[in-house]
């Protein structure tokens, strides 16, 4: 009888110690979730930004006719800086990105030239200069490119606009200087690279070739002398910019 009571007490003590040890054990820790791969950057949507750069090229006044005389005015270098705004939209399909982009740019691009000694009006007499100045540029282009995650290589092309002012004359020969201001219409092509260094901010650098060809008309001495010809201007533009993606 005493033996049974002793065995029962020992079993109860063992069971109590086991229960207490089980209560002290920590609960199982849930497995940490698997690492989720970072999603590729998306170029979809609207964006806006600023840009700045430098342009250089040539301005040529050609094929002028004045009172039966045909002549060409000089070809001369033009250059200067620019800064402006960018607005665009991208659509990405797999790694291919297509879009449209508009840019408006304030510019200070100018130059002058002369052909001393030629017998014709319009900056071809003595040392008078013809001048060209672009005060503003604008482009509306389509863009197509290939995206490598956050890097985008692209080409672009479309319409170009320019607010230009031309002067010509031969003051030393008694022919007044005239100014012709015009909104130019032309075309542009270009290429560049853009890199997204934040979730919604990217930086770009690009090259654009812009060409304008249109008629200009000068009137000297109150209309007594006139000259009608073509202004052929080309610009090589290198610019950098920052875009914010909405």
Protein backbone atom coordinates (compact mmCIF):
# COMPACT_ATOMS: atom_id res chain seq x y z
CA UNK A 1 0.00 0.00 0.00
CA UNK A 2 2.82 2.38 0.92
CA UNK A 3 4.67 1.35 -2.23
CA UNK A 4 1.68 2.17 -4.44
CA UNK A 5 1.25 5.55 -2.79
CA UNK A 6 4.94 6.32 -3.23
CA UNK A 7 4.87 5.34 -6.95
CA UNK A 8 1.79 7.46 -7.50
CA UNK A 9 3.44 10.50 -5.93
CA UNK A 10 6.59 10.02 -8.07
CA UNK A 11 4.51 9.80 -11.28
CA UNK A 12 2.57 12.91 -10.32
CA UNK A 13 5.83 14.81 -9.66
CA UNK A 14 7.28 13.76 -13.03
CA UNK A 15 4.08 14.78 -14.87
CA UNK A 16 4.03 18.16 -13.06
CA UNK A 17 7.69 18.85 -13.97
CA UNK A 18 7.05 17.92 -17.62
CA UNK A 19 4.03 20.22 -17.81
CA UNK A 20 5.97 23.10 -16.26
CA UNK A 21 8.87 22.58 -18.73
CA UNK A 22 6.44 22.52 -21.66
CA UNK A 23 4.86 25.78 -20.46
CA UNK A 24 8.29 27.46 -20.37
CA UNK A 25 9.17 26.53 -23.98
CA UNK A 26 8.73 29.38 -26.50
CA UNK A 27 6.12 29.16 -29.21
CA UNK A 28 7.43 28.13 -32.66
CA UNK A 29 8.69 31.08 -34.72
CA UNK A 30 7.01 31.46 -38.07
CA UNK A 31 9.30 31.13 -41.06
CA UNK A 32 10.48 34.45 -42.47
CA UNK A 33 8.78 35.29 -45.72
CA UNK A 34 10.79 34.60 -48.86
CA UNK A 35 12.65 37.58 -50.36
CA UNK A 36 10.55 39.21 -53.07
CA UNK A 37 12.46 40.17 -56.23
CA UNK A 38 12.46 43.92 -56.99
CA UNK A 39 10.13 44.83 -59.82
CA UNK A 40 11.63 46.30 -63.01
CA UNK A 41 11.29 50.05 -63.41
CA UNK A 42 8.25 51.10 -65.46
CA UNK A 43 8.55 53.92 -68.03
CA UNK A 44 4.76 54.12 -68.49
CA UNK A 45 2.95 57.41 -68.02
CA UNK A 46 3.34 61.16 -68.21
CA UNK A 47 6.51 63.05 -67.32
CA UNK A 48 7.66 66.67 -67.17
CA UNK A 49 11.03 68.26 -66.68
CA UNK A 50 13.64 70.88 -67.46
CA UNK A 51 16.60 70.82 -69.83
CA UNK A 52 19.54 72.96 -70.86
CA UNK A 53 22.36 72.78 -73.36
CA UNK A 54 24.37 74.29 -76.15
CA UNK A 55 23.77 74.65 -79.90
CA UNK A 56 26.09 75.36 -82.80
CA UNK A 57 25.55 75.39 -86.54
CA UNK A 58 25.38 77.50 -89.68
CA UNK A 59 23.08 80.10 -91.18
CA UNK A 60 23.04 80.63 -94.94
CA UNK A 61 21.11 83.28 -96.87
CA UNK A 62 20.89 82.06 -100.45
CA UNK A 63 19.16 82.48 -103.82
CA UNK A 64 18.37 86.17 -103.43
CA UNK A 65 17.00 88.19 -106.31
CA UNK A 66 17.01 91.97 -106.33
CA UNK A 67 16.15 94.11 -109.35
CA UNK A 68 17.24 91.38 -111.74
CA UNK A 69 20.46 90.50 -109.91
CA UNK A 70 20.84 87.07 -108.33
CA UNK A 71 23.27 86.61 -105.45
CA UNK A 72 24.02 84.65 -102.31
CA UNK A 73 24.66 86.27 -98.97
CA UNK A 74 27.29 84.78 -96.68
CA UNK A 75 27.19 81.51 -94.78
CA UNK A 76 28.31 81.99 -91.19
CA UNK A 77 28.48 80.18 -87.87
CA UNK A 78 25.82 80.56 -85.20
CA UNK A 79 26.03 79.29 -81.62
CA UNK A 80 24.71 79.80 -78.11
CA UNK A 81 23.00 78.38 -75.06
CA UNK A 82 19.45 77.25 -74.36
CA UNK A 83 17.19 76.23 -71.47
CA UNK A 84 13.59 75.04 -71.47
CA UNK A 85 10.75 72.75 -70.38
CA UNK A 86 9.83 69.20 -71.40
CA UNK A 87 6.46 67.41 -71.39
CA UNK A 88 5.91 63.86 -72.62
CA UNK A 89 4.12 60.53 -72.39
CA UNK A 90 5.56 56.99 -72.57
CA UNK A 91 3.97 53.64 -73.27
CA UNK A 92 6.06 50.57 -72.47
CA UNK A 93 5.49 47.17 -74.09
CA UNK A 94 7.90 44.58 -72.70
CA UNK A 95 11.30 46.25 -73.15
CA UNK A 96 10.16 48.63 -75.89
CA UNK A 97 9.13 52.19 -75.05
CA UNK A 98 7.13 54.45 -77.38
CA UNK A 99 5.97 57.98 -76.73
CA UNK A 100 5.51 61.58 -77.73
CA UNK A 101 7.42 64.58 -76.38
CA UNK A 102 7.10 68.36 -76.64
CA UNK A 103 9.82 70.83 -75.67
CA UNK A 104 9.79 74.62 -75.46
CA UNK A 105 13.17 76.30 -75.19
CA UNK A 106 14.44 79.80 -74.60
CA UNK A 107 17.55 80.31 -76.74
CA UNK A 108 20.34 82.81 -77.30
CA UNK A 109 21.85 81.45 -80.51
CA UNK A 110 23.35 83.97 -82.92
CA UNK A 111 26.12 84.81 -85.37
CA UNK A 112 27.06 87.13 -88.23
CA UNK A 113 29.02 87.24 -91.45
CA UNK A 114 29.88 89.43 -94.41
CA UNK A 115 31.34 89.28 -97.90
CA UNK A 116 33.18 92.55 -98.27
CA UNK A 117 33.58 93.95 -101.75
CA UNK A 118 30.70 92.18 -103.50
CA UNK A 119 28.38 94.39 -105.56
CA UNK A 120 24.92 93.64 -104.24
CA UNK A 121 22.73 94.83 -101.40
CA UNK A 122 22.15 92.86 -98.23
CA UNK A 123 25.37 92.79 -96.23
CA UNK A 124 27.57 92.07 -99.23
CA UNK A 125 29.05 95.54 -99.55
CA UNK A 126 32.06 96.76 -97.64
CA UNK A 127 32.15 95.36 -94.09
CA UNK A 128 28.46 95.28 -93.21
CA UNK A 129 27.27 92.10 -91.52
CA UNK A 130 24.31 89.84 -91.96
CA UNK A 131 23.11 88.52 -88.61
CA UNK A 132 20.96 85.63 -87.45
CA UNK A 133 19.53 85.20 -83.95
CA UNK A 134 17.32 82.43 -82.61
CA UNK A 135 15.39 83.56 -79.54
CA UNK A 136 13.33 80.41 -78.99
CA UNK A 137 13.07 76.82 -80.20
CA UNK A 138 10.35 74.22 -79.95
CA UNK A 139 9.97 70.59 -80.97
CA UNK A 140 7.16 68.03 -81.10
CA UNK A 141 8.59 64.56 -81.64
CA UNK A 142 7.84 60.90 -81.43
CA UNK A 143 10.20 58.77 -79.33
CA UNK A 144 11.06 55.07 -79.55
CA UNK A 145 13.53 53.21 -77.41
CA UNK A 146 14.65 50.07 -75.65
CA UNK A 147 14.61 49.87 -71.86
CA UNK A 148 17.16 47.96 -69.80
CA UNK A 149 15.33 48.27 -66.48
CA UNK A 150 16.25 51.81 -65.35
CA UNK A 151 18.23 52.72 -68.48
CA UNK A 152 16.50 53.80 -71.68
CA UNK A 153 18.18 54.21 -75.08
CA UNK A 154 16.00 56.19 -77.50
CA UNK A 155 15.75 57.90 -80.86
CA UNK A 156 13.35 60.72 -81.72
CA UNK A 157 12.14 62.75 -84.69
CA UNK A 158 9.47 65.22 -85.69
CA UNK A 159 8.66 68.88 -86.21
CA UNK A 160 10.78 71.83 -85.10
CA UNK A 161 9.89 75.50 -84.63
CA UNK A 162 12.09 78.52 -84.15
CA UNK A 163 11.63 82.22 -83.49
CA UNK A 164 14.39 83.85 -85.55
CA UNK A 165 15.48 87.36 -86.44
CA UNK A 166 17.61 88.24 -89.45
CA UNK A 167 19.24 91.57 -90.27
CA UNK A 168 20.85 92.66 -93.51
CA UNK A 169 21.97 95.87 -95.11
CA UNK A 170 24.87 97.90 -96.43
CA UNK A 171 24.93 101.04 -94.34
CA UNK A 172 28.33 102.12 -95.61
CA UNK A 173 26.97 101.97 -99.15
CA UNK A 174 23.91 104.01 -98.20
CA UNK A 175 21.49 101.07 -98.06
CA UNK A 176 19.62 100.89 -94.77
CA UNK A 177 19.65 97.83 -92.55
CA UNK A 178 16.41 95.87 -92.42
CA UNK A 179 15.24 93.31 -89.86
CA UNK A 180 13.14 90.29 -90.74
CA UNK A 181 11.55 88.35 -87.86
CA UNK A 182 9.87 85.04 -88.55
CA UNK A 183 8.59 81.87 -86.90
CA UNK A 184 10.51 79.11 -88.64
CA UNK A 185 9.15 75.64 -89.39
CA UNK A 186 11.52 72.72 -89.85
CA UNK A 187 12.35 69.21 -88.71
CA UNK A 188 14.53 67.45 -86.18
CA UNK A 189 16.02 64.03 -85.44
CA UNK A 190 17.96 62.94 -82.40
CA UNK A 191 19.08 60.21 -80.02
CA UNK A 192 19.94 59.91 -76.35
CA UNK A 193 20.04 57.94 -73.13
CA UNK A 194 17.90 58.36 -70.00
CA UNK A 195 18.46 56.79 -66.57
CA UNK A 196 16.00 56.59 -63.68
CA UNK A 197 18.03 57.16 -60.52
CA UNK A 198 14.93 57.30 -58.26
CA UNK A 199 11.45 55.81 -58.29
CA UNK A 200 10.02 58.76 -60.25
CA UNK A 201 13.00 60.87 -61.32
CA UNK A 202 15.27 60.36 -64.32
CA UNK A 203 18.15 62.19 -65.98
CA UNK A 204 18.87 62.33 -69.71
CA UNK A 205 21.47 63.49 -72.20
CA UNK A 206 20.71 63.74 -75.89
CA UNK A 207 21.75 65.11 -79.27
CA UNK A 208 19.37 66.81 -81.73
CA UNK A 209 19.89 67.91 -85.31
CA UNK A 210 17.50 70.71 -86.33
CA UNK A 211 17.10 72.18 -89.81
CA UNK A 212 15.05 75.15 -91.03
CA UNK A 213 14.55 76.16 -94.67
CA UNK A 214 12.18 78.99 -95.53
CA UNK A 215 11.86 82.26 -97.43
CA UNK A 216 12.95 85.60 -96.03
CA UNK A 217 12.28 89.04 -97.49
CA UNK A 218 14.19 92.24 -96.81
CA UNK A 219 13.02 95.74 -97.67
CA UNK A 220 15.61 98.52 -97.74
CA UNK A 221 15.21 102.27 -97.81
CA UNK A 222 11.47 102.27 -97.26
CA UNK A 223 10.83 99.66 -99.92
CA UNK A 224 12.92 101.25 -102.65
CA UNK A 225 15.16 98.19 -102.63
CA UNK A 226 14.03 94.67 -101.82
CA UNK A 227 15.55 91.22 -101.70
CA UNK A 228 13.73 87.88 -101.45
CA UNK A 229 15.63 84.68 -100.82
CA UNK A 230 15.99 81.62 -98.62
CA UNK A 231 17.35 81.24 -95.11
CA UNK A 232 18.81 77.78 -94.55
CA UNK A 233 19.81 77.19 -90.94
CA UNK A 234 21.04 74.05 -89.23
CA UNK A 235 21.71 73.45 -85.55
CA UNK A 236 23.55 70.71 -83.65
CA UNK A 237 22.14 70.67 -80.12
CA UNK A 238 23.55 68.81 -77.11
CA UNK A 239 21.44 69.02 -73.96
CA UNK A 240 20.91 67.41 -70.57
CA UNK A 241 17.71 67.28 -68.53
CA UNK A 242 15.85 66.05 -65.46
CA UNK A 243 12.35 64.52 -65.74
CA UNK A 244 9.74 63.80 -63.06
CA UNK A 245 7.47 60.79 -63.82
CA UNK A 246 3.87 60.96 -62.60
